[in-house]
Amino acid sequence: MWGSLFTDKRGEYLMEWAAELNLSVMSVGDTPTFEREGRESSFIDITWATEGMVNRVSNWKILTGEVYTYHRHIYFDVETDEKNPENKTKIHH
């Protein structure tokens, strides 16, 4: 679905919910977003986009490097209508 090799009941419910709201999964790749030493990894952190935003989201990736949480940082760009926005906001999840 969004990188995981299998889907459980919660994943099925989540996809039904997203379909009802016409949301698209932007998460790509096969790198888990959650990893805890000695335990299974997971693709629990999902990035969603509405129909109007799907084509504006690009460069979605999981950042590698040291983080002080079990959740990895996710990075993506969002195209805006502004030519040269003065303030750029970086949001780390």
C-alpha atoms as a PDB file:
ATOM      1  CA  MET A   1       0.000   0.000   0.000  1.00  0.00           C
ATOM      2  CA  TRP A   2       2.442   2.721   1.133  1.00  0.00           C
ATOM      3  CA  GLY A   3       5.593   0.642   1.285  1.00  0.00           C
ATOM      4  CA  SER A   4       4.430  -2.181   3.503  1.00  0.00           C
ATOM      5  CA  LEU A   5       4.368  -5.718   2.159  1.00  0.00           C
ATOM      6  CA  PHE A   6       1.109  -6.538   3.940  1.00  0.00           C
ATOM      7  CA  THR A   7      -2.080  -4.811   5.054  1.00  0.00           C
ATOM      8  CA  ASP A   8      -3.915  -5.517   8.280  1.00  0.00           C
ATOM      9  CA  LYS A   9      -7.517  -4.619   9.210  1.00  0.00           C
ATOM     10  CA  ARG A  10      -6.493  -1.159  10.449  1.00  0.00           C
ATOM     11  CA  GLY A  11      -4.809  -0.461   7.112  1.00  0.00           C
ATOM     12  CA  GLU A  12      -7.929  -1.571   5.248  1.00  0.00           C
ATOM     13  CA  TYR A  13     -10.115   0.742   7.373  1.00  0.00           C
ATOM     14  CA  LEU A  14      -7.682   3.593   6.826  1.00  0.00           C
ATOM     15  CA  MET A  15      -7.766   3.143   3.049  1.00  0.00           C
ATOM     16  CA  GLU A  16     -11.584   3.032   3.073  1.00  0.00           C
ATOM     17  CA  TRP A  17     -11.630   6.266   5.091  1.00  0.00           C
ATOM     18  CA  ALA A  18      -9.178   7.916   2.664  1.00  0.00           C
ATOM     19  CA  ALA A  19     -11.232   6.792  -0.339  1.00  0.00           C
ATOM     20  CA  GLU A  20     -14.377   8.337   1.190  1.00  0.00           C
ATOM     21  CA  LEU A  21     -12.509  11.644   1.561  1.00  0.00           C
ATOM     22  CA  ASN A  22     -10.834  11.312  -1.856  1.00  0.00           C
ATOM     23  CA  LEU A  23      -7.345  11.427  -0.331  1.00  0.00           C
ATOM     24  CA  SER A  24      -4.259  10.079  -2.074  1.00  0.00           C
ATOM     25  CA  VAL A  25      -1.240   8.518  -0.398  1.00  0.00           C
ATOM     26  CA  MET A  26       1.912  10.467  -1.165  1.00  0.00           C
ATOM     27  CA  SER A  27       4.199   8.148   0.812  1.00  0.00           C
ATOM     28  CA  VAL A  28       6.456   6.170  -1.514  1.00  0.00           C
ATOM     29  CA  GLY A  29       9.337   3.768  -1.238  1.00  0.00           C
ATOM     30  CA  ASP A  30      10.139   0.807   0.910  1.00  0.00           C
ATOM     31  CA  THR A  31      11.885   2.463   3.870  1.00  0.00           C
ATOM     32  CA  PRO A  32       9.930   2.155   7.133  1.00  0.00           C
ATOM     33  CA  THR A  33       8.935   5.414   8.820  1.00  0.00           C
ATOM     34  CA  PHE A  34       9.053   3.862  12.290  1.00  0.00           C
ATOM     35  CA  GLU A  35      11.880   1.679  13.489  1.00  0.00           C
ATOM     36  CA  ARG A  36      12.651   0.509  16.981  1.00  0.00           C
ATOM     37  CA  GLU A  37      15.693  -1.613  17.742  1.00  0.00           C
ATOM     38  CA  GLY A  38      14.769  -5.194  18.494  1.00  0.00           C
ATOM     39  CA  ARG A  39      11.204  -4.771  17.216  1.00  0.00           C
ATOM     40  CA  GLU A  40       9.428  -4.832  13.893  1.00  0.00           C
ATOM     41  CA  SER A  41       9.555  -1.746  11.733  1.00  0.00           C
ATOM     42  CA  SER A  42       6.432  -0.056  10.389  1.00  0.00           C
ATOM     43  CA  PHE A  43       5.124   2.315   7.732  1.00  0.00           C
ATOM     44  CA  ILE A  44       2.821   4.005  10.246  1.00  0.00           C
ATOM     45  CA  ASP A  45       3.513   7.621   9.215  1.00  0.00           C
ATOM     46  CA  ILE A  46       1.551   8.388   6.066  1.00  0.00           C
ATOM     47  CA  THR A  47       1.419  11.582   4.029  1.00  0.00           C
ATOM     48  CA  TRP A  48      -1.971  12.321   2.450  1.00  0.00           C
ATOM     49  CA  ALA A  49      -2.979  14.862  -0.194  1.00  0.00           C
ATOM     50  CA  THR A  50      -6.305  16.033  -1.522  1.00  0.00           C
ATOM     51  CA  GLU A  51      -7.092  15.779  -5.222  1.00  0.00           C
ATOM     52  CA  GLY A  52      -6.206  19.445  -5.680  1.00  0.00           C
ATOM     53  CA  MET A  53      -2.809  19.031  -3.998  1.00  0.00           C
ATOM     54  CA  VAL A  54      -1.590  15.730  -5.458  1.00  0.00           C
ATOM     55  CA  ASN A  55       0.239  17.366  -8.362  1.00  0.00           C
ATOM     56  CA  ARG A  56       1.764  19.992  -6.074  1.00  0.00           C
ATOM     57  CA  VAL A  57       3.560  17.534  -3.791  1.00  0.00           C
ATOM     58  CA  SER A  58       6.964  16.307  -4.948  1.00  0.00           C
ATOM     59  CA  ASN A  59      10.275  14.951  -3.688  1.00  0.00           C
ATOM     60  CA  TRP A  60       8.665  12.896  -0.924  1.00  0.00           C
ATOM     61  CA  LYS A  61      11.354  11.022   0.967  1.00  0.00           C
ATOM     62  CA  ILE A  62      12.350   9.701   4.330  1.00  0.00           C
ATOM     63  CA  LEU A  63      15.413  11.472   5.629  1.00  0.00           C
ATOM     64  CA  THR A  64      18.235   9.318   6.849  1.00  0.00           C
ATOM     65  CA  GLY A  65      20.541  10.287   9.613  1.00  0.00           C
ATOM     66  CA  GLU A  66      20.407  10.338  13.348  1.00  0.00           C
ATOM     67  CA  VAL A  67      17.103  11.220  14.949  1.00  0.00           C
ATOM     68  CA  TYR A  68      16.181  11.007  18.595  1.00  0.00           C
ATOM     69  CA  THR A  69      12.866   9.301  18.086  1.00  0.00           C
ATOM     70  CA  TYR A  70      11.661   6.021  16.622  1.00  0.00           C
ATOM     71  CA  HIS A  71       9.888   7.951  13.859  1.00  0.00           C
ATOM     72  CA  ARG A  72      12.027   9.019  10.923  1.00  0.00           C
ATOM     73  CA  HIS A  73      11.808  12.517   9.490  1.00  0.00           C
ATOM     74  CA  ILE A  74       9.743  12.859   6.318  1.00  0.00           C
ATOM     75  CA  TYR A  75      10.518  15.533   3.739  1.00  0.00           C
ATOM     76  CA  PHE A  76       8.520  16.746   0.748  1.00  0.00           C
ATOM     77  CA  ASP A  77       8.063  19.892  -1.308  1.00  0.00           C
ATOM     78  CA  VAL A  78       4.741  21.622  -1.876  1.00  0.00           C
ATOM     79  CA  GLU A  79       4.380  23.879  -4.896  1.00  0.00           C
ATOM     80  CA  THR A  80       2.573  27.122  -4.155  1.00  0.00           C
ATOM     81  CA  ASP A  81       1.135  29.819  -6.382  1.00  0.00           C
ATOM     82  CA  GLU A  82       3.728  32.321  -5.138  1.00  0.00           C
ATOM     83  CA  LYS A  83       6.681  32.905  -7.465  1.00  0.00           C
ATOM     84  CA  ASN A  84       9.288  33.545  -4.746  1.00  0.00           C
ATOM     85  CA  PRO A  85       7.854  33.027  -1.287  1.00  0.00           C
ATOM     86  CA  GLU A  86       9.756  35.107   1.261  1.00  0.00           C
ATOM     87  CA  ASN A  87       9.198  32.744   4.142  1.00  0.00           C
ATOM     88  CA  LYS A  88       9.870  29.073   3.688  1.00  0.00           C
ATOM     89  CA  THR A  89       8.619  26.802   6.398  1.00  0.00           C
ATOM     90  CA  LYS A  90      10.242  23.471   7.111  1.00  0.00           C
ATOM     91  CA  ILE A  91       8.044  21.049   8.935  1.00  0.00           C
ATOM     92  CA  HIS A  92       9.565  17.919  10.376  1.00  0.00           C
ATOM     93  CA  HIS A  93       7.334  15.079  11.405  1.00  0.00           C
END
